[in-house]
């Protein structure tokens, strides 16, 4: 999932839409997306044409519409429960160091009815890094949004912002992906402060 595969974002840059009859192009796009999002091979893709929103099942957990594609982990448990551990040597410490993960404090949680999947709009305090927003598919795991307020969470802060239904999701909040489909958020023990780096 992308890194720990958490939230639903609009992905810029996939561009265009595939004709429903273009199976070769569809399969190539499937393979490209599986590689770029580190998904298990042969999973389903649902491609939703922006002008004719019909569902095409090639095997699917991703919905696309041009020019922005909403990456929806609609089958999260299937996507991560079958993913094998990566082989040693497939990543380097330099790869890890390029990801800027920081501690943040949740200061507000608002409903996000415009999102395709149940989600919250999180307001996060990164201390010296300022206030940032994130869209996270957390209602099934945390039905009471107030239970999230005040928690310290971990987020990637150096991905490009994603526009989700008119909301700027600036950071990627991280969580685990247990087989039951919940998304328990990653957190830290006492002693950490908003803005602290993760390493």
N, C-alpha and C. Protein backbone atom coordinates (compact mmCIF):
# COMPACT_ATOMS: atom_id res chain seq x y z
N UNK A 1 0.99 -1.10 0.00
CA UNK A 1 0.00 0.00 0.00
C UNK A 1 0.95 1.04 0.00
N UNK A 2 1.27 0.66 -0.64
CA UNK A 2 1.81 1.88 -0.24
C UNK A 2 2.28 1.68 1.14
N UNK A 3 3.02 2.66 1.68
CA UNK A 3 3.63 2.49 2.99
C UNK A 3 2.56 2.23 4.04
N UNK A 4 2.53 0.98 4.54
CA UNK A 4 1.57 0.51 5.54
C UNK A 4 0.14 0.69 5.09
N UNK A 5 -0.05 1.00 3.86
CA UNK A 5 -1.33 1.10 3.26
C UNK A 5 -2.44 1.63 4.08
N UNK A 6 -2.52 2.91 4.28
CA UNK A 6 -3.58 3.36 5.17
C UNK A 6 -4.72 4.03 4.45
N UNK A 7 -4.58 5.21 4.04
CA UNK A 7 -5.76 5.96 3.71
C UNK A 7 -6.05 6.02 2.24
N UNK A 8 -7.23 6.56 1.95
CA UNK A 8 -7.70 6.68 0.58
C UNK A 8 -7.30 8.06 0.08
N UNK A 9 -6.53 8.11 -0.98
CA UNK A 9 -6.06 9.39 -1.51
C UNK A 9 -6.40 9.49 -2.99
N UNK A 10 -6.45 10.72 -3.49
CA UNK A 10 -6.54 10.92 -4.92
C UNK A 10 -5.14 10.94 -5.48
N UNK A 11 -4.86 10.09 -6.44
CA UNK A 11 -3.52 10.02 -7.01
C UNK A 11 -3.48 10.85 -8.28
N UNK A 12 -2.60 11.81 -8.31
CA UNK A 12 -2.43 12.64 -9.50
C UNK A 12 -1.45 11.97 -10.44
N UNK A 13 -1.63 12.21 -11.71
CA UNK A 13 -0.60 11.81 -12.65
C UNK A 13 -0.86 10.50 -13.36
N UNK A 14 -1.94 9.76 -13.01
CA UNK A 14 -2.20 8.55 -13.78
C UNK A 14 -2.76 8.93 -15.14
N UNK A 15 -3.53 10.04 -15.17
CA UNK A 15 -3.96 10.63 -16.42
C UNK A 15 -4.83 9.75 -17.28
N UNK A 16 -5.79 10.36 -17.99
CA UNK A 16 -6.60 9.64 -18.96
C UNK A 16 -7.44 8.55 -18.34
N UNK A 17 -8.20 7.88 -19.19
CA UNK A 17 -8.99 6.74 -18.73
C UNK A 17 -8.93 5.68 -19.80
N UNK A 18 -9.10 4.44 -19.41
CA UNK A 18 -9.00 3.33 -20.35
C UNK A 18 -10.38 2.96 -20.89
N UNK A 19 -10.43 2.67 -22.18
CA UNK A 19 -11.68 2.17 -22.75
C UNK A 19 -11.98 0.81 -22.16
N UNK A 20 -13.28 0.54 -21.96
CA UNK A 20 -13.67 -0.70 -21.30
C UNK A 20 -13.26 -1.93 -22.10
N UNK A 21 -13.13 -1.79 -23.41
CA UNK A 21 -12.76 -2.94 -24.21
C UNK A 21 -11.27 -3.12 -24.38
N UNK A 22 -10.50 -2.19 -23.86
CA UNK A 22 -9.05 -2.24 -24.03
C UNK A 22 -8.44 -3.14 -22.97
N UNK A 23 -8.56 -4.45 -23.14
CA UNK A 23 -8.08 -5.38 -22.11
C UNK A 23 -6.57 -5.35 -21.97
N UNK A 24 -5.84 -5.21 -23.11
CA UNK A 24 -4.38 -5.17 -23.01
C UNK A 24 -3.94 -3.95 -22.21
N UNK A 25 -4.53 -2.80 -22.54
CA UNK A 25 -4.19 -1.59 -21.79
C UNK A 25 -4.59 -1.69 -20.34
N UNK A 26 -5.74 -2.33 -20.10
CA UNK A 26 -6.23 -2.50 -18.74
C UNK A 26 -5.29 -3.36 -17.92
N UNK A 27 -4.83 -4.46 -18.54
CA UNK A 27 -3.91 -5.34 -17.81
C UNK A 27 -2.57 -4.67 -17.57
N UNK A 28 -2.10 -3.87 -18.54
CA UNK A 28 -0.84 -3.16 -18.34
C UNK A 28 -0.98 -2.17 -17.20
N UNK A 29 -2.09 -1.42 -17.18
CA UNK A 29 -2.30 -0.47 -16.10
C UNK A 29 -2.41 -1.18 -14.76
N UNK A 30 -3.05 -2.37 -14.78
CA UNK A 30 -3.14 -3.16 -13.56
C UNK A 30 -1.75 -3.49 -13.04
N UNK A 31 -0.90 -3.99 -13.95
CA UNK A 31 0.47 -4.36 -13.55
C UNK A 31 1.24 -3.15 -13.06
N UNK A 32 1.12 -2.03 -13.76
CA UNK A 32 1.83 -0.82 -13.36
C UNK A 32 1.42 -0.37 -11.97
N UNK A 33 0.11 -0.41 -11.70
CA UNK A 33 -0.37 0.03 -10.39
C UNK A 33 0.05 -0.93 -9.30
N UNK A 34 0.00 -2.22 -9.60
CA UNK A 34 0.43 -3.21 -8.60
C UNK A 34 1.88 -2.96 -8.21
N UNK A 35 2.72 -2.67 -9.21
CA UNK A 35 4.14 -2.44 -8.92
C UNK A 35 4.34 -1.14 -8.14
N UNK A 36 3.67 -0.05 -8.58
CA UNK A 36 3.90 1.24 -7.96
C UNK A 36 3.33 1.31 -6.56
N UNK A 37 2.27 0.54 -6.28
CA UNK A 37 1.68 0.56 -4.94
C UNK A 37 2.04 -0.69 -4.15
N UNK A 38 2.96 -1.50 -4.67
CA UNK A 38 3.45 -2.68 -3.97
C UNK A 38 2.32 -3.61 -3.58
N UNK A 39 1.42 -3.88 -4.54
CA UNK A 39 0.29 -4.77 -4.29
C UNK A 39 0.62 -6.18 -4.75
N UNK A 40 -0.03 -7.17 -4.15
CA UNK A 40 0.20 -8.54 -4.62
C UNK A 40 -0.26 -8.66 -6.07
N UNK A 41 0.41 -9.45 -6.89
CA UNK A 41 0.00 -9.59 -8.30
C UNK A 41 -1.34 -10.26 -8.42
N UNK A 42 -2.01 -9.98 -9.54
CA UNK A 42 -3.27 -10.61 -9.91
C UNK A 42 -4.43 -10.25 -9.00
N UNK A 43 -4.30 -9.15 -8.26
CA UNK A 43 -5.46 -8.67 -7.52
C UNK A 43 -6.39 -7.97 -8.51
N UNK A 44 -7.63 -7.75 -8.10
CA UNK A 44 -8.58 -7.10 -9.00
C UNK A 44 -8.31 -5.61 -9.07
N UNK A 45 -8.62 -5.06 -10.22
CA UNK A 45 -8.65 -3.61 -10.36
C UNK A 45 -10.02 -3.23 -10.86
N UNK A 46 -10.58 -2.20 -10.28
CA UNK A 46 -11.83 -1.66 -10.79
C UNK A 46 -11.52 -0.31 -11.39
N UNK A 47 -11.65 -0.20 -12.67
CA UNK A 47 -11.38 1.06 -13.34
C UNK A 47 -12.70 1.74 -13.64
N UNK A 48 -12.86 2.91 -13.09
CA UNK A 48 -14.10 3.65 -13.30
C UNK A 48 -13.81 4.80 -14.26
N UNK A 49 -14.38 4.70 -15.45
CA UNK A 49 -14.18 5.75 -16.43
C UNK A 49 -14.86 7.02 -15.94
N UNK A 50 -14.14 8.12 -16.01
CA UNK A 50 -14.67 9.36 -15.46
C UNK A 50 -15.95 9.81 -16.15
N UNK A 51 -16.08 9.46 -17.43
CA UNK A 51 -17.25 9.93 -18.18
C UNK A 51 -18.36 8.90 -18.23
N UNK A 52 -18.06 7.66 -17.99
CA UNK A 52 -19.06 6.59 -17.99
C UNK A 52 -18.72 5.66 -16.82
N UNK A 53 -19.14 6.03 -15.61
CA UNK A 53 -18.71 5.29 -14.43
C UNK A 53 -19.28 3.88 -14.36
N UNK A 54 -18.62 2.98 -15.07
CA UNK A 54 -18.97 1.57 -15.01
C UNK A 54 -17.81 0.81 -14.42
N UNK A 55 -18.08 -0.32 -13.79
CA UNK A 55 -17.05 -1.07 -13.09
C UNK A 55 -16.52 -2.18 -14.00
N UNK A 56 -15.20 -2.27 -14.07
CA UNK A 56 -14.55 -3.34 -14.82
C UNK A 56 -13.72 -4.14 -13.85
N UNK A 57 -14.02 -5.40 -13.66
CA UNK A 57 -13.28 -6.24 -12.73
C UNK A 57 -12.27 -7.08 -13.49
N UNK A 58 -11.00 -6.81 -13.24
CA UNK A 58 -9.95 -7.62 -13.83
C UNK A 58 -9.43 -8.52 -12.73
N UNK A 59 -9.73 -8.27 -11.63
CA UNK A 59 -9.30 -8.98 -10.46
C UNK A 59 -9.20 -8.09 -9.26
N UNK A 60 -9.99 -6.67 -8.39
CA UNK A 60 -9.94 -5.53 -7.77
C UNK A 60 -10.00 -4.66 -6.61
N UNK A 61 -8.94 -3.98 -6.30
CA UNK A 61 -9.02 -3.15 -5.12
C UNK A 61 -8.80 -1.68 -5.41
N UNK A 62 -8.58 -1.34 -6.68
CA UNK A 62 -8.31 0.07 -6.95
C UNK A 62 -9.36 0.61 -7.92
N UNK A 63 -9.89 1.78 -7.61
CA UNK A 63 -10.83 2.43 -8.49
C UNK A 63 -10.13 3.65 -9.07
N UNK A 64 -10.25 3.82 -10.39
CA UNK A 64 -9.61 4.95 -11.04
C UNK A 64 -10.62 5.76 -11.82
N UNK A 65 -10.43 7.08 -11.83
CA UNK A 65 -11.18 7.92 -12.73
C UNK A 65 -10.27 9.05 -13.15
N UNK A 66 -10.33 9.43 -14.40
CA UNK A 66 -9.42 10.44 -14.91
C UNK A 66 -10.01 11.82 -14.66
N UNK A 67 -9.16 12.86 -14.49
CA UNK A 67 -7.70 12.79 -14.49
C UNK A 67 -7.12 12.42 -13.13
N UNK A 68 -7.95 12.38 -12.10
CA UNK A 68 -7.45 11.97 -10.78
C UNK A 68 -7.99 10.60 -10.47
N UNK A 69 -7.16 9.75 -9.90
CA UNK A 69 -7.59 8.40 -9.59
C UNK A 69 -7.65 8.23 -8.09
N UNK A 70 -8.81 7.82 -7.59
CA UNK A 70 -8.93 7.63 -6.15
C UNK A 70 -8.50 6.22 -5.82
N UNK A 71 -7.44 6.11 -5.07
CA UNK A 71 -6.91 4.80 -4.71
C UNK A 71 -7.64 4.36 -3.45
N UNK A 72 -8.53 3.41 -3.62
CA UNK A 72 -9.37 2.98 -2.52
C UNK A 72 -9.00 1.56 -2.14
N UNK A 73 -8.55 1.38 -0.93
CA UNK A 73 -8.22 0.05 -0.48
C UNK A 73 -9.51 -0.64 -0.05
N UNK A 74 -10.33 -1.00 -1.02
CA UNK A 74 -11.65 -1.56 -0.72
C UNK A 74 -11.56 -3.01 -0.31
N UNK A 75 -10.38 -3.60 -0.50
CA UNK A 75 -10.19 -4.98 -0.10
C UNK A 75 -8.90 -5.06 0.71
N UNK A 76 -8.82 -4.20 1.73
CA UNK A 76 -7.56 -4.03 2.45
C UNK A 76 -7.07 -5.34 3.03
N UNK A 77 -7.97 -6.12 3.62
CA UNK A 77 -7.51 -7.33 4.28
C UNK A 77 -6.93 -8.31 3.27
N UNK A 78 -7.53 -8.39 2.09
CA UNK A 78 -6.99 -9.30 1.08
C UNK A 78 -5.66 -8.81 0.56
N UNK A 79 -5.49 -7.46 0.46
CA UNK A 79 -4.27 -6.93 -0.13
C UNK A 79 -3.07 -7.14 0.76
N UNK A 80 -3.25 -7.05 2.08
CA UNK A 80 -2.07 -7.14 2.92
C UNK A 80 -1.90 -8.50 3.58
N UNK A 81 -2.99 -9.25 3.76
CA UNK A 81 -2.86 -10.51 4.47
C UNK A 81 -2.10 -11.54 3.65
N UNK A 82 -2.11 -11.37 2.31
CA UNK A 82 -1.42 -12.32 1.45
C UNK A 82 -0.05 -11.81 1.01
N UNK A 83 0.31 -10.61 1.42
CA UNK A 83 1.58 -10.04 0.99
C UNK A 83 2.73 -10.69 1.75
N UNK A 84 3.68 -11.25 1.05
CA UNK A 84 4.81 -11.89 1.74
C UNK A 84 5.76 -10.83 2.29
N UNK A 85 6.59 -11.25 3.22
CA UNK A 85 7.64 -10.36 3.70
C UNK A 85 8.61 -10.09 2.56
N UNK A 86 9.07 -8.84 2.48
CA UNK A 86 10.04 -8.49 1.44
C UNK A 86 11.36 -9.18 1.71
N UNK A 87 12.05 -9.51 0.63
CA UNK A 87 13.35 -10.17 0.75
C UNK A 87 14.39 -9.19 1.30
N UNK A 88 15.30 -9.67 2.14
CA UNK A 88 16.39 -8.81 2.62
C UNK A 88 17.17 -8.22 1.45
N UNK A 89 17.48 -6.95 1.54
CA UNK A 89 18.25 -6.29 0.49
C UNK A 89 17.41 -5.59 -0.55
N UNK A 90 16.07 -5.71 -0.47
CA UNK A 90 15.22 -5.05 -1.46
C UNK A 90 15.01 -3.57 -1.15
N UNK A 91 15.45 -3.13 0.02
CA UNK A 91 15.41 -1.70 0.38
C UNK A 91 16.70 -1.38 1.13
N UNK A 92 17.04 -0.11 1.13
CA UNK A 92 18.26 0.33 1.81
C UNK A 92 17.91 1.33 2.89
N UNK A 93 18.88 1.61 3.75
CA UNK A 93 18.66 2.62 4.79
C UNK A 93 18.44 3.98 4.15
N UNK A 94 19.02 4.20 2.98
CA UNK A 94 18.78 5.46 2.27
C UNK A 94 17.34 5.58 1.83
N UNK A 95 16.75 4.46 1.37
CA UNK A 95 15.33 4.46 1.03
C UNK A 95 14.50 4.87 2.25
N UNK A 96 14.81 4.26 3.38
CA UNK A 96 14.08 4.57 4.62
C UNK A 96 14.23 6.03 5.00
N UNK A 97 15.45 6.55 4.89
CA UNK A 97 15.71 7.93 5.31
C UNK A 97 15.03 8.96 4.42
N UNK A 98 14.64 8.57 3.21
CA UNK A 98 13.92 9.52 2.35
C UNK A 98 12.48 9.73 2.82
N UNK A 99 11.95 8.81 3.62
CA UNK A 99 10.59 8.95 4.13
C UNK A 99 10.66 9.71 5.45
N UNK A 100 10.06 10.90 5.48
CA UNK A 100 10.07 11.73 6.68
C UNK A 100 8.82 11.45 7.50
N UNK A 101 8.97 10.62 8.54
CA UNK A 101 7.86 10.28 9.43
C UNK A 101 7.98 11.09 10.71
N UNK A 102 6.86 11.65 11.16
CA UNK A 102 6.87 12.53 12.33
C UNK A 102 5.72 12.18 13.28
N UNK A 103 5.93 12.53 14.54
CA UNK A 103 4.87 12.41 15.54
C UNK A 103 3.93 13.60 15.37
N UNK A 104 2.64 13.34 15.50
CA UNK A 104 1.64 14.41 15.44
C UNK A 104 0.59 14.17 16.51
N UNK A 105 0.00 15.24 16.97
CA UNK A 105 -1.11 15.16 17.92
C UNK A 105 -2.41 15.46 17.20
N UNK A 106 -3.40 14.58 17.35
CA UNK A 106 -4.71 14.81 16.74
C UNK A 106 -5.44 15.88 17.55
N UNK A 107 -5.74 17.01 16.92
CA UNK A 107 -6.40 18.10 17.63
C UNK A 107 -7.87 18.25 17.24
N UNK A 108 -8.26 17.66 16.11
CA UNK A 108 -9.68 17.71 15.71
C UNK A 108 -9.96 16.59 14.72
N UNK A 109 -11.17 16.06 14.79
CA UNK A 109 -11.62 15.01 13.88
C UNK A 109 -13.01 15.39 13.39
N UNK A 110 -13.14 15.55 12.08
CA UNK A 110 -14.42 15.98 11.49
C UNK A 110 -14.94 14.93 10.52
N UNK A 111 -16.27 14.82 10.42
CA UNK A 111 -16.85 13.90 9.42
C UNK A 111 -16.42 14.33 8.02
N UNK A 112 -16.42 13.37 7.10
CA UNK A 112 -16.03 13.66 5.71
C UNK A 112 -17.04 12.99 4.78
N UNK A 113 -18.26 13.50 4.75
CA UNK A 113 -19.31 12.86 3.95
C UNK A 113 -19.03 12.86 2.45
N UNK A 114 -18.17 13.77 1.97
CA UNK A 114 -17.89 13.82 0.53
C UNK A 114 -16.97 12.71 0.07
N UNK A 115 -16.27 12.05 0.98
CA UNK A 115 -15.36 10.98 0.60
C UNK A 115 -16.14 9.77 0.11
N UNK A 116 -15.54 9.03 -0.84
CA UNK A 116 -16.21 7.84 -1.38
C UNK A 116 -16.32 6.74 -0.35
N UNK A 117 -15.28 6.57 0.46
CA UNK A 117 -15.27 5.59 1.52
C UNK A 117 -15.41 6.31 2.85
N UNK A 118 -16.00 5.67 3.87
CA UNK A 118 -16.12 6.33 5.17
C UNK A 118 -14.75 6.83 5.65
N UNK A 119 -14.69 8.11 5.95
CA UNK A 119 -13.41 8.71 6.32
C UNK A 119 -13.63 9.88 7.27
N UNK A 120 -12.56 10.24 7.95
CA UNK A 120 -12.52 11.45 8.77
C UNK A 120 -11.54 12.44 8.15
N UNK A 121 -11.77 13.71 8.44
CA UNK A 121 -10.77 14.74 8.17
C UNK A 121 -10.06 15.02 9.49
N UNK A 122 -8.79 14.68 9.54
CA UNK A 122 -8.01 14.86 10.75
C UNK A 122 -7.25 16.18 10.70
N UNK A 123 -7.24 16.90 11.82
CA UNK A 123 -6.38 18.07 11.97
C UNK A 123 -5.26 17.67 12.92
N UNK A 124 -4.03 17.78 12.44
CA UNK A 124 -2.88 17.26 13.16
C UNK A 124 -1.89 18.37 13.49
N UNK A 125 -1.42 18.37 14.73
CA UNK A 125 -0.44 19.35 15.19
C UNK A 125 0.95 18.70 15.17
N UNK A 126 1.84 19.22 14.34
CA UNK A 126 3.20 18.71 14.24
C UNK A 126 4.20 19.60 14.99
N UNK A 127 3.73 20.35 15.97
CA UNK A 127 4.63 21.20 16.74
C UNK A 127 5.29 22.23 15.86
N UNK A 128 6.62 22.23 15.76
CA UNK A 128 7.30 23.22 14.91
C UNK A 128 6.97 23.04 13.43
N UNK A 129 6.41 21.88 13.05
CA UNK A 129 6.03 21.64 11.65
C UNK A 129 4.67 22.20 11.30
N UNK A 130 3.97 22.76 12.29
CA UNK A 130 2.68 23.40 12.02
C UNK A 130 1.51 22.44 12.02
N UNK A 131 0.36 22.96 11.60
CA UNK A 131 -0.90 22.22 11.56
C UNK A 131 -1.10 21.70 10.14
N UNK A 132 -1.44 20.42 10.03
CA UNK A 132 -1.69 19.82 8.72
C UNK A 132 -2.94 18.96 8.78
N UNK A 133 -3.54 18.74 7.60
CA UNK A 133 -4.75 17.94 7.51
C UNK A 133 -4.50 16.62 6.82
N UNK A 134 -5.31 15.63 7.17
CA UNK A 134 -5.20 14.32 6.53
C UNK A 134 -6.57 13.67 6.47
N UNK A 135 -6.83 12.98 5.37
CA UNK A 135 -8.04 12.18 5.24
C UNK A 135 -7.68 10.74 5.58
N UNK A 136 -8.46 10.12 6.46
CA UNK A 136 -8.15 8.75 6.88
C UNK A 136 -9.42 7.93 6.99
N UNK A 137 -9.38 6.72 6.46
CA UNK A 137 -10.54 5.82 6.47
C UNK A 137 -10.62 5.10 7.81
N UNK A 138 -10.99 5.84 8.83
CA UNK A 138 -10.95 5.31 10.19
C UNK A 138 -12.31 5.07 10.86
N UNK A 139 -13.44 5.54 10.32
CA UNK A 139 -14.71 5.34 11.03
C UNK A 139 -15.01 3.89 11.41
N UNK A 140 -14.73 2.89 10.54
CA UNK A 140 -15.04 1.52 10.97
C UNK A 140 -14.22 1.07 12.18
N UNK A 141 -13.00 1.60 12.32
CA UNK A 141 -12.14 1.22 13.43
C UNK A 141 -12.39 2.08 14.66
N UNK A 142 -12.65 3.36 14.43
CA UNK A 142 -12.88 4.31 15.51
C UNK A 142 -14.22 5.01 15.27
N UNK A 143 -15.34 4.34 15.59
CA UNK A 143 -16.66 4.94 15.31
C UNK A 143 -16.91 6.23 16.09
N UNK A 144 -16.26 6.40 17.22
CA UNK A 144 -16.38 7.64 17.99
C UNK A 144 -15.19 8.53 17.66
N UNK A 145 -15.38 9.56 16.84
CA UNK A 145 -14.24 10.39 16.44
C UNK A 145 -13.54 11.06 17.61
N UNK A 146 -14.29 11.33 18.68
CA UNK A 146 -13.68 12.00 19.83
C UNK A 146 -12.62 11.14 20.50
N UNK A 147 -12.69 9.82 20.28
CA UNK A 147 -11.69 8.93 20.89
C UNK A 147 -10.30 9.14 20.29
N UNK A 148 -10.25 9.80 19.14
CA UNK A 148 -8.96 10.05 18.48
C UNK A 148 -8.32 11.36 18.92
N UNK A 149 -9.13 12.28 19.43
CA UNK A 149 -8.63 13.61 19.78
C UNK A 149 -7.65 13.48 20.96
N UNK A 150 -6.49 14.10 20.79
CA UNK A 150 -5.47 14.07 21.83
C UNK A 150 -4.44 12.97 21.67
N UNK A 151 -4.70 12.03 20.75
CA UNK A 151 -3.75 10.93 20.55
C UNK A 151 -2.52 11.39 19.79
N UNK A 152 -1.40 10.75 20.09
CA UNK A 152 -0.20 10.94 19.29
C UNK A 152 -0.16 9.86 18.22
N UNK A 153 0.02 10.27 16.97
CA UNK A 153 0.04 9.34 15.85
C UNK A 153 1.33 9.56 15.05
N UNK A 154 1.54 8.70 14.06
CA UNK A 154 2.71 8.79 13.18
C UNK A 154 2.22 9.08 11.77
N UNK A 155 2.89 10.01 11.09
CA UNK A 155 2.49 10.35 9.73
C UNK A 155 3.70 10.62 8.86
N UNK A 156 3.57 10.29 7.58
CA UNK A 156 4.57 10.66 6.58
C UNK A 156 4.24 12.08 6.11
N UNK A 157 5.23 12.96 6.18
CA UNK A 157 4.95 14.37 5.89
C UNK A 157 5.54 14.85 4.57
N UNK A 158 6.32 14.01 3.88
CA UNK A 158 6.96 14.51 2.66
C UNK A 158 6.43 13.87 1.37
N UNK A 159 5.23 13.27 1.42
CA UNK A 159 4.55 12.91 0.19
C UNK A 159 3.84 14.15 -0.36
N UNK A 160 3.61 14.18 -1.66
CA UNK A 160 2.86 15.30 -2.24
C UNK A 160 1.44 15.31 -1.70
N UNK A 161 0.86 16.48 -1.43
CA UNK A 161 -0.53 16.54 -0.97
C UNK A 161 -1.47 15.92 -2.00
N UNK A 162 -2.58 15.36 -1.52
CA UNK A 162 -3.59 14.77 -2.39
C UNK A 162 -4.91 15.50 -2.19
N UNK A 163 -5.57 15.82 -3.28
CA UNK A 163 -6.88 16.46 -3.21
C UNK A 163 -7.95 15.38 -3.16
N UNK A 164 -8.62 15.25 -2.04
CA UNK A 164 -9.66 14.24 -1.87
C UNK A 164 -11.00 14.95 -1.69
N UNK A 165 -11.80 14.87 -2.72
CA UNK A 165 -13.14 15.48 -2.68
C UNK A 165 -13.07 16.92 -2.20
N UNK A 166 -12.09 17.68 -2.70
CA UNK A 166 -11.97 19.09 -2.37
C UNK A 166 -11.19 19.37 -1.10
N UNK A 167 -10.72 18.32 -0.42
CA UNK A 167 -9.97 18.48 0.83
C UNK A 167 -8.50 18.16 0.57
N UNK A 168 -7.60 19.03 1.03
CA UNK A 168 -6.17 18.81 0.86
C UNK A 168 -5.66 17.88 1.95
N UNK A 169 -5.37 16.65 1.58
CA UNK A 169 -4.78 15.70 2.51
C UNK A 169 -3.27 15.83 2.39
N UNK A 170 -2.66 16.45 3.39
CA UNK A 170 -1.26 16.85 3.29
C UNK A 170 -0.29 15.78 3.77
N UNK A 171 -0.75 14.89 4.62
CA UNK A 171 0.15 13.88 5.19
C UNK A 171 -0.55 12.53 5.19
N UNK A 172 0.25 11.46 5.30
CA UNK A 172 -0.27 10.10 5.33
C UNK A 172 -0.14 9.55 6.74
N UNK A 173 -1.26 9.37 7.42
CA UNK A 173 -1.26 8.81 8.76
C UNK A 173 -1.11 7.30 8.65
N UNK A 174 -0.26 6.72 9.51
CA UNK A 174 0.08 5.31 9.38
C UNK A 174 -0.68 4.44 10.37
N UNK A 175 -1.02 3.24 9.90
CA UNK A 175 -1.70 2.28 10.75
C UNK A 175 -1.39 0.87 10.33
N UNK A 176 -1.68 -0.07 11.19
CA UNK A 176 -1.50 -1.49 10.87
C UNK A 176 -2.69 -1.98 10.06
N UNK A 177 -2.52 -3.14 9.41
CA UNK A 177 -3.58 -3.71 8.59
C UNK A 177 -3.84 -5.15 9.00
N UNK A 178 -4.50 -5.36 10.13
CA UNK A 178 -4.83 -6.73 10.52
C UNK A 178 -5.82 -7.36 9.57
N UNK A 179 -5.93 -8.68 9.62
CA UNK A 179 -6.75 -9.41 8.67
C UNK A 179 -8.24 -9.13 8.81
N UNK A 180 -8.66 -8.57 9.94
CA UNK A 180 -10.09 -8.31 10.12
C UNK A 180 -10.54 -7.02 9.44
N UNK A 181 -9.62 -6.30 8.80
CA UNK A 181 -9.99 -5.11 8.05
C UNK A 181 -9.93 -3.81 8.83
N UNK A 182 -9.69 -3.88 10.14
CA UNK A 182 -9.56 -2.65 10.91
C UNK A 182 -8.24 -1.96 10.57
N UNK A 183 -8.11 -0.69 11.01
CA UNK A 183 -6.87 0.06 10.79
C UNK A 183 -6.45 0.70 12.11
N UNK A 184 -5.86 -0.09 13.01
CA UNK A 184 -5.37 0.50 14.26
C UNK A 184 -4.20 1.45 13.96
N UNK A 185 -4.28 2.65 14.48
CA UNK A 185 -3.24 3.64 14.21
C UNK A 185 -1.95 3.33 14.95
N UNK A 186 -0.83 3.64 14.31
CA UNK A 186 0.45 3.56 14.99
C UNK A 186 0.58 4.74 15.94
N UNK A 187 1.22 4.51 17.07
CA UNK A 187 1.37 5.57 18.05
C UNK A 187 2.73 5.44 18.72
N UNK A 188 2.97 6.28 19.72
CA UNK A 188 4.24 6.27 20.45
C UNK A 188 3.96 6.36 21.94
N UNK A 189 4.94 5.94 22.73
CA UNK A 189 4.80 6.03 24.18
C UNK A 189 5.01 7.46 24.67
N UNK A 190 4.76 7.65 25.96
CA UNK A 190 5.00 8.94 26.56
C UNK A 190 6.47 9.31 26.41
N UNK A 191 6.71 10.61 26.28
CA UNK A 191 8.06 11.12 26.08
C UNK A 191 8.26 11.70 24.70
N UNK A 192 7.40 11.27 23.75
CA UNK A 192 7.47 11.85 22.40
C UNK A 192 6.63 13.12 22.33
N UNK A 193 7.00 14.00 21.44
CA UNK A 193 6.28 15.26 21.28
C UNK A 193 5.95 15.50 19.81
N UNK A 194 4.89 16.28 19.54
CA UNK A 194 4.56 16.59 18.16
C UNK A 194 5.76 17.17 17.40
N UNK A 195 5.99 16.62 16.22
CA UNK A 195 7.11 17.07 15.40
C UNK A 195 8.35 16.20 15.51
N UNK A 196 8.40 15.34 16.53
CA UNK A 196 9.57 14.47 16.67
C UNK A 196 9.70 13.55 15.45
N UNK A 197 10.92 13.36 14.96
CA UNK A 197 11.11 12.43 13.82
C UNK A 197 11.07 10.99 14.28
N UNK A 198 10.73 10.10 13.35
CA UNK A 198 10.72 8.66 13.58
C UNK A 198 11.92 8.07 12.86
N UNK A 199 12.65 7.21 13.54
CA UNK A 199 13.81 6.62 12.92
C UNK A 199 14.20 5.32 13.58
